[in-house]
Amino acid sequence: MRDSVINVDPEVMSGTPVFKDTRVPIETIGYYMADDGGIEEFFDNFPGVSREQVIKLLEEVKEKVLAAA
């Protein structure tokens, strides 16, 4: 994934997958989407993550799911 929005680096959050150029774990978006606060609350709390990054993440996940099917 050359243009991935996901970064995995042992020096950043002990290798936890994060949004590129941030320390925000990818799994965090899932917690917010499942909560009543939703995606808007996620963006309010993590202004370093853009809508474009979240859209790209969802596209990457979709590609992986379809490739595995």
PDB file of N, CA and C in Angstrom:
ATOM      1  N   MET A   1       0.832  -1.173   0.000  1.00  0.00           N
ATOM      2  CA  MET A   1       0.000   0.000   0.000  1.00  0.00           C
ATOM      3  C   MET A   1       0.880   1.240   0.000  1.00  0.00           C
ATOM      4  N   ARG A   2       1.329   1.598  -1.136  1.00  0.00           N
ATOM      5  CA  ARG A   2       2.256   2.711  -1.298  1.00  0.00           C
ATOM      6  C   ARG A   2       1.681   4.017  -0.763  1.00  0.00           C
ATOM      7  N   ASP A   3       0.435   4.311  -1.050  1.00  0.00           N
ATOM      8  CA  ASP A   3      -0.187   5.566  -0.642  1.00  0.00           C
ATOM      9  C   ASP A   3      -1.115   5.380   0.552  1.00  0.00           C
ATOM     10  N   SER A   4      -0.821   4.430   1.384  1.00  0.00           N
ATOM     11  CA  SER A   4      -1.681   4.105   2.511  1.00  0.00           C
ATOM     12  C   SER A   4      -1.755   5.247   3.517  1.00  0.00           C
ATOM     13  N   VAL A   5      -2.899   5.378   4.165  1.00  0.00           N
ATOM     14  CA  VAL A   5      -3.046   6.336   5.258  1.00  0.00           C
ATOM     15  C   VAL A   5      -2.697   5.675   6.589  1.00  0.00           C
ATOM     16  N   ILE A   6      -2.336   4.395   6.529  1.00  0.00           N
ATOM     17  CA  ILE A   6      -1.979   3.639   7.725  1.00  0.00           C
ATOM     18  C   ILE A   6      -0.462   3.600   7.857  1.00  0.00           C
ATOM     19  N   ASN A   7       0.003   3.891   9.063  1.00  0.00           N
ATOM     20  CA  ASN A   7       1.432   3.811   9.340  1.00  0.00           C
ATOM     21  C   ASN A   7       1.645   2.825  10.485  1.00  0.00           C
ATOM     22  N   VAL A   8       2.582   1.911  10.285  1.00  0.00           N
ATOM     23  CA  VAL A   8       2.968   0.974  11.340  1.00  0.00           C
ATOM     24  C   VAL A   8       4.471   1.113  11.513  1.00  0.00           C
ATOM     25  N   ASP A   9       4.867   1.634  12.667  1.00  0.00           N
ATOM     26  CA  ASP A   9       6.276   1.897  12.950  1.00  0.00           C
ATOM     27  C   ASP A   9       6.519   1.544  14.409  1.00  0.00           C
ATOM     28  N   PRO A  10       7.491   0.672  14.686  1.00  0.00           N
ATOM     29  CA  PRO A  10       7.747   0.289  16.074  1.00  0.00           C
ATOM     30  C   PRO A  10       8.083   1.483  16.975  1.00  0.00           C
ATOM     31  N   GLU A  11       8.530   2.579  16.379  1.00  0.00           N
ATOM     32  CA  GLU A  11       8.881   3.774  17.147  1.00  0.00           C
ATOM     33  C   GLU A  11       7.675   4.674  17.427  1.00  0.00           C
ATOM     34  N   VAL A  12       6.539   4.382  16.815  1.00  0.00           N
ATOM     35  CA  VAL A  12       5.329   5.187  17.007  1.00  0.00           C
ATOM     36  C   VAL A  12       4.259   4.306  17.644  1.00  0.00           C
ATOM     37  N   MET A  13       3.870   4.634  18.856  1.00  0.00           N
ATOM     38  CA  MET A  13       2.823   3.892  19.570  1.00  0.00           C
ATOM     39  C   MET A  13       3.124   2.389  19.612  1.00  0.00           C
ATOM     40  N   SER A  14       4.388   2.049  19.752  1.00  0.00           N
ATOM     41  CA  SER A  14       4.840   0.650  19.854  1.00  0.00           C
ATOM     42  C   SER A  14       4.386  -0.219  18.691  1.00  0.00           C
ATOM     43  N   GLY A  15       4.251   0.386  17.511  1.00  0.00           N
ATOM     44  CA  GLY A  15       3.886  -0.379  16.324  1.00  0.00           C
ATOM     45  C   GLY A  15       2.395  -0.519  16.091  1.00  0.00           C
ATOM     46  N   THR A  16       1.585   0.104  16.927  1.00  0.00           N
ATOM     47  CA  THR A  16       0.137   0.091  16.710  1.00  0.00           C
ATOM     48  C   THR A  16      -0.165   0.811  15.403  1.00  0.00           C
ATOM     49  N   PRO A  17      -1.007   0.268  14.547  1.00  0.00           N
ATOM     50  CA  PRO A  17      -1.359   0.980  13.310  1.00  0.00           C
ATOM     51  C   PRO A  17      -2.028   2.322  13.635  1.00  0.00           C
ATOM     52  N   VAL A  18      -1.473   3.390  13.071  1.00  0.00           N
ATOM     53  CA  VAL A  18      -1.987   4.741  13.296  1.00  0.00           C
ATOM     54  C   VAL A  18      -2.246   5.423  11.961  1.00  0.00           C
ATOM     55  N   PHE A  19      -3.022   6.514  12.001  1.00  0.00           N
ATOM     56  CA  PHE A  19      -3.174   7.331  10.805  1.00  0.00           C
ATOM     57  C   PHE A  19      -1.824   7.965  10.502  1.00  0.00           C
ATOM     58  N   LYS A  20      -1.421   7.921   9.250  1.00  0.00           N
ATOM     59  CA  LYS A  20      -0.131   8.452   8.818  1.00  0.00           C
ATOM     60  C   LYS A  20       0.057   9.885   9.329  1.00  0.00           C
ATOM     61  N   ASP A  21       1.263  10.161   9.799  1.00  0.00           N
ATOM     62  CA  ASP A  21       1.664  11.475  10.317  1.00  0.00           C
ATOM     63  C   ASP A  21       0.921  11.880  11.587  1.00  0.00           C
ATOM     64  N   THR A  22       0.371  10.895  12.306  1.00  0.00           N
ATOM     65  CA  THR A  22      -0.283  11.167  13.594  1.00  0.00           C
ATOM     66  C   THR A  22       0.114  10.058  14.562  1.00  0.00           C
ATOM     67  N   ARG A  23      -0.394  10.173  15.778  1.00  0.00           N
ATOM     68  CA  ARG A  23      -0.259   9.108  16.768  1.00  0.00           C
ATOM     69  C   ARG A  23      -1.654   8.565  17.116  1.00  0.00           C
ATOM     70  N   VAL A  24      -2.607   8.780  16.224  1.00  0.00           N
ATOM     71  CA  VAL A  24      -3.992   8.352  16.458  1.00  0.00           C
ATOM     72  C   VAL A  24      -4.169   6.929  15.933  1.00  0.00           C
ATOM     73  N   PRO A  25      -4.406   5.964  16.830  1.00  0.00           N
ATOM     74  CA  PRO A  25      -4.603   4.587  16.383  1.00  0.00           C
ATOM     75  C   PRO A  25      -5.802   4.455  15.444  1.00  0.00           C
ATOM     76  N   ILE A  26      -5.640   3.635  14.427  1.00  0.00           N
ATOM     77  CA  ILE A  26      -6.706   3.383  13.455  1.00  0.00           C
ATOM     78  C   ILE A  26      -7.965   2.870  14.152  1.00  0.00           C
ATOM     79  N   GLU A  27      -7.803   2.014  15.155  1.00  0.00           N
ATOM     80  CA  GLU A  27      -8.960   1.426  15.826  1.00  0.00           C
ATOM     81  C   GLU A  27      -9.841   2.471  16.507  1.00  0.00           C
ATOM     82  N   THR A  28      -9.293   3.644  16.786  1.00  0.00           N
ATOM     83  CA  THR A  28     -10.055   4.688  17.461  1.00  0.00           C
ATOM     84  C   THR A  28     -11.287   5.101  16.667  1.00  0.00           C
ATOM     85  N   ILE A  29     -11.169   5.170  15.353  1.00  0.00           N
ATOM     86  CA  ILE A  29     -12.309   5.576  14.521  1.00  0.00           C
ATOM     87  C   ILE A  29     -13.483   4.611  14.700  1.00  0.00           C
ATOM     88  N   GLY A  30     -13.190   3.340  14.858  1.00  0.00           N
ATOM     89  CA  GLY A  30     -14.243   2.343  15.066  1.00  0.00           C
ATOM     90  C   GLY A  30     -15.004   2.568  16.354  1.00  0.00           C
ATOM     91  N   TYR A  31     -14.286   2.942  17.417  1.00  0.00           N
ATOM     92  CA  TYR A  31     -14.945   3.210  18.691  1.00  0.00           C
ATOM     93  C   TYR A  31     -15.908   4.387  18.565  1.00  0.00           C
ATOM     94  N   TYR A  32     -15.471   5.417  17.875  1.00  0.00           N
ATOM     95  CA  TYR A  32     -16.317   6.599  17.716  1.00  0.00           C
ATOM     96  C   TYR A  32     -17.511   6.320  16.813  1.00  0.00           C
ATOM     97  N   MET A  33     -17.314   5.535  15.779  1.00  0.00           N
ATOM     98  CA  MET A  33     -18.425   5.230  14.869  1.00  0.00           C
ATOM     99  C   MET A  33     -19.483   4.383  15.567  1.00  0.00           C
ATOM    100  N   ALA A  34     -19.068   3.575  16.537  1.00  0.00           N
ATOM    101  CA  ALA A  34     -20.002   2.720  17.267  1.00  0.00           C
ATOM    102  C   ALA A  34     -20.681   3.462  18.418  1.00  0.00           C
ATOM    103  N   ASP A  35     -20.149   4.624  18.777  1.00  0.00           N
ATOM    104  CA  ASP A  35     -20.659   5.383  19.913  1.00  0.00           C
ATOM    105  C   ASP A  35     -21.690   6.414  19.465  1.00  0.00           C
ATOM    106  N   ASP A  36     -22.456   6.902  20.404  1.00  0.00           N
ATOM    107  CA  ASP A  36     -23.473   7.914  20.100  1.00  0.00           C
ATOM    108  C   ASP A  36     -22.875   9.206  19.562  1.00  0.00           C
ATOM    109  N   GLY A  37     -21.656   9.547  19.965  1.00  0.00           N
ATOM    110  CA  GLY A  37     -21.025  10.780  19.504  1.00  0.00           C
ATOM    111  C   GLY A  37     -20.717  10.758  18.024  1.00  0.00           C
ATOM    112  N   GLY A  38     -20.384   9.591  17.536  1.00  0.00           N
ATOM    113  CA  GLY A  38     -20.164   9.393  16.111  1.00  0.00           C
ATOM    114  C   GLY A  38     -18.920  10.039  15.543  1.00  0.00           C
ATOM    115  N   ILE A  39     -18.905  10.085  14.234  1.00  0.00           N
ATOM    116  CA  ILE A  39     -17.728  10.515  13.491  1.00  0.00           C
ATOM    117  C   ILE A  39     -17.399  11.988  13.725  1.00  0.00           C
ATOM    118  N   GLU A  40     -18.419  12.815  13.921  1.00  0.00           N
ATOM    119  CA  GLU A  40     -18.159  14.244  14.155  1.00  0.00           C
ATOM    120  C   GLU A  40     -17.386  14.448  15.450  1.00  0.00           C
ATOM    121  N   GLU A  41     -17.724  13.684  16.468  1.00  0.00           N
ATOM    122  CA  GLU A  41     -16.993  13.770  17.731  1.00  0.00           C
ATOM    123  C   GLU A  41     -15.543  13.322  17.530  1.00  0.00           C
ATOM    124  N   PHE A  42     -15.341  12.299  16.703  1.00  0.00           N
ATOM    125  CA  PHE A  42     -13.978  11.859  16.395  1.00  0.00           C
ATOM    126  C   PHE A  42     -13.181  13.011  15.796  1.00  0.00           C
ATOM    127  N   PHE A  43     -13.742  13.685  14.794  1.00  0.00           N
ATOM    128  CA  PHE A  43     -13.030  14.795  14.157  1.00  0.00           C
ATOM    129  C   PHE A  43     -12.799  15.944  15.132  1.00  0.00           C
ATOM    130  N   ASP A  44     -13.734  16.187  16.036  1.00  0.00           N
ATOM    131  CA  ASP A  44     -13.549  17.235  17.047  1.00  0.00           C
ATOM    132  C   ASP A  44     -12.392  16.898  17.978  1.00  0.00           C
ATOM    133  N   ASN A  45     -12.286  15.628  18.360  1.00  0.00           N
ATOM    134  CA  ASN A  45     -11.257  15.205  19.311  1.00  0.00           C
ATOM    135  C   ASN A  45      -9.903  14.927  18.674  1.00  0.00           C
ATOM    136  N   PHE A  46      -9.881  14.668  17.380  1.00  0.00           N
ATOM    137  CA  PHE A  46      -8.628  14.355  16.687  1.00  0.00           C
ATOM    138  C   PHE A  46      -8.509  15.200  15.421  1.00  0.00           C
ATOM    139  N   PRO A  47      -8.304  16.505  15.568  1.00  0.00           N
ATOM    140  CA  PRO A  47      -8.254  17.395  14.398  1.00  0.00           C
ATOM    141  C   PRO A  47      -7.085  17.106  13.456  1.00  0.00           C
ATOM    142  N   GLY A  48      -6.120  16.322  13.905  1.00  0.00           N
ATOM    143  CA  GLY A  48      -4.994  15.965  13.048  1.00  0.00           C
ATOM    144  C   GLY A  48      -5.334  14.922  11.997  1.00  0.00           C
ATOM    145  N   VAL A  49      -6.502  14.304  12.119  1.00  0.00           N
ATOM    146  CA  VAL A  49      -6.955  13.310  11.142  1.00  0.00           C
ATOM    147  C   VAL A  49      -8.010  13.979  10.262  1.00  0.00           C
ATOM    148  N   SER A  50      -7.787  13.944   8.965  1.00  0.00           N
ATOM    149  CA  SER A  50      -8.710  14.604   8.034  1.00  0.00           C
ATOM    150  C   SER A  50      -9.804  13.646   7.557  1.00  0.00           C
ATOM    151  N   ARG A  51     -10.865  14.233   7.055  1.00  0.00           N
ATOM    152  CA  ARG A  51     -11.934  13.433   6.440  1.00  0.00           C
ATOM    153  C   ARG A  51     -11.381  12.611   5.290  1.00  0.00           C
ATOM    154  N   GLU A  52     -10.474  13.208   4.538  1.00  0.00           N
ATOM    155  CA  GLU A  52      -9.874  12.509   3.398  1.00  0.00           C
ATOM    156  C   GLU A  52      -9.136  11.257   3.858  1.00  0.00           C
ATOM    157  N   GLN A  53      -8.449  11.336   5.008  1.00  0.00           N
ATOM    158  CA  GLN A  53      -7.754  10.164   5.529  1.00  0.00           C
ATOM    159  C   GLN A  53      -8.745   9.069   5.907  1.00  0.00           C
ATOM    160  N   VAL A  54      -9.849   9.437   6.521  1.00  0.00           N
ATOM    161  CA  VAL A  54     -10.848   8.440   6.921  1.00  0.00           C
ATOM    162  C   VAL A  54     -11.480   7.808   5.685  1.00  0.00           C
ATOM    163  N   ILE A  55     -11.778   8.613   4.680  1.00  0.00           N
ATOM    164  CA  ILE A  55     -12.334   8.077   3.432  1.00  0.00           C
ATOM    165  C   ILE A  55     -11.346   7.117   2.791  1.00  0.00           C
ATOM    166  N   LYS A  56     -10.081   7.492   2.746  1.00  0.00           N
ATOM    167  CA  LYS A  56      -9.046   6.625   2.163  1.00  0.00           C
ATOM    168  C   LYS A  56      -8.927   5.325   2.970  1.00  0.00           C
ATOM    169  N   LEU A  57      -9.010   5.420   4.292  1.00  0.00           N
ATOM    170  CA  LEU A  57      -8.965   4.222   5.134  1.00  0.00           C
ATOM    171  C   LEU A  57     -10.108   3.279   4.779  1.00  0.00           C
ATOM    172  N   LEU A  58     -11.311   3.819   4.660  1.00  0.00           N
ATOM    173  CA  LEU A  58     -12.469   2.986   4.316  1.00  0.00           C
ATOM    174  C   LEU A  58     -12.306   2.355   2.939  1.00  0.00           C
ATOM    175  N   GLU A  59     -11.716   3.083   2.001  1.00  0.00           N
ATOM    176  CA  GLU A  59     -11.456   2.520   0.669  1.00  0.00           C
ATOM    177  C   GLU A  59     -10.444   1.381   0.758  1.00  0.00           C
ATOM    178  N   GLU A  60      -9.402   1.551   1.575  1.00  0.00           N
ATOM    179  CA  GLU A  60      -8.400   0.493   1.744  1.00  0.00           C
ATOM    180  C   GLU A  60      -9.027  -0.755   2.360  1.00  0.00           C
ATOM    181  N   VAL A  61      -9.862  -0.557   3.368  1.00  0.00           N
ATOM    182  CA  VAL A  61     -10.532  -1.690   4.014  1.00  0.00           C
ATOM    183  C   VAL A  61     -11.430  -2.402   3.013  1.00  0.00           C
ATOM    184  N   LYS A  62     -12.184  -1.637   2.234  1.00  0.00           N
ATOM    185  CA  LYS A  62     -13.071  -2.230   1.220  1.00  0.00           C
ATOM    186  C   LYS A  62     -12.269  -3.073   0.232  1.00  0.00           C
ATOM    187  N   GLU A  63     -11.139  -2.545  -0.245  1.00  0.00           N
ATOM    188  CA  GLU A  63     -10.304  -3.287  -1.194  1.00  0.00           C
ATOM    189  C   GLU A  63      -9.814  -4.595  -0.591  1.00  0.00           C
ATOM    190  N   LYS A  64      -9.393  -4.555   0.674  1.00  0.00           N
ATOM    191  CA  LYS A  64      -8.902  -5.771   1.325  1.00  0.00           C
ATOM    192  C   LYS A  64     -10.011  -6.798   1.505  1.00  0.00           C
ATOM    193  N   VAL A  65     -11.188  -6.343   1.878  1.00  0.00           N
ATOM    194  CA  VAL A  65     -12.319  -7.261   2.068  1.00  0.00           C
ATOM    195  C   VAL A  65     -12.703  -7.900   0.744  1.00  0.00           C
ATOM    196  N   LEU A  66     -12.796  -7.095  -0.301  1.00  0.00           N
ATOM    197  CA  LEU A  66     -13.174  -7.632  -1.609  1.00  0.00           C
ATOM    198  C   LEU A  66     -12.103  -8.574  -2.163  1.00  0.00           C
ATOM    199  N   ALA A  67     -10.841  -8.273  -1.901  1.00  0.00           N
ATOM    200  CA  ALA A  67      -9.760  -9.135  -2.373  1.00  0.00           C
ATOM    201  C   ALA A  67      -9.777 -10.485  -1.653  1.00  0.00           C
ATOM    202  N   ALA A  68     -10.230 -10.481  -0.403  1.00  0.00           N
ATOM    203  CA  ALA A  68     -10.268 -11.714   0.380  1.00  0.00           C
ATOM    204  C   ALA A  68     -11.506 -12.554   0.083  1.00  0.00           C
ATOM    205  N   ALA A  69     -12.484 -11.963  -0.565  1.00  0.00           N
ATOM    206  CA  ALA A  69     -13.743 -12.677  -0.823  1.00  0.00           C
ATOM    207  C   ALA A  69     -13.594 -13.685  -1.941  1.00  0.00           C
TER     208      ALA A  69
END
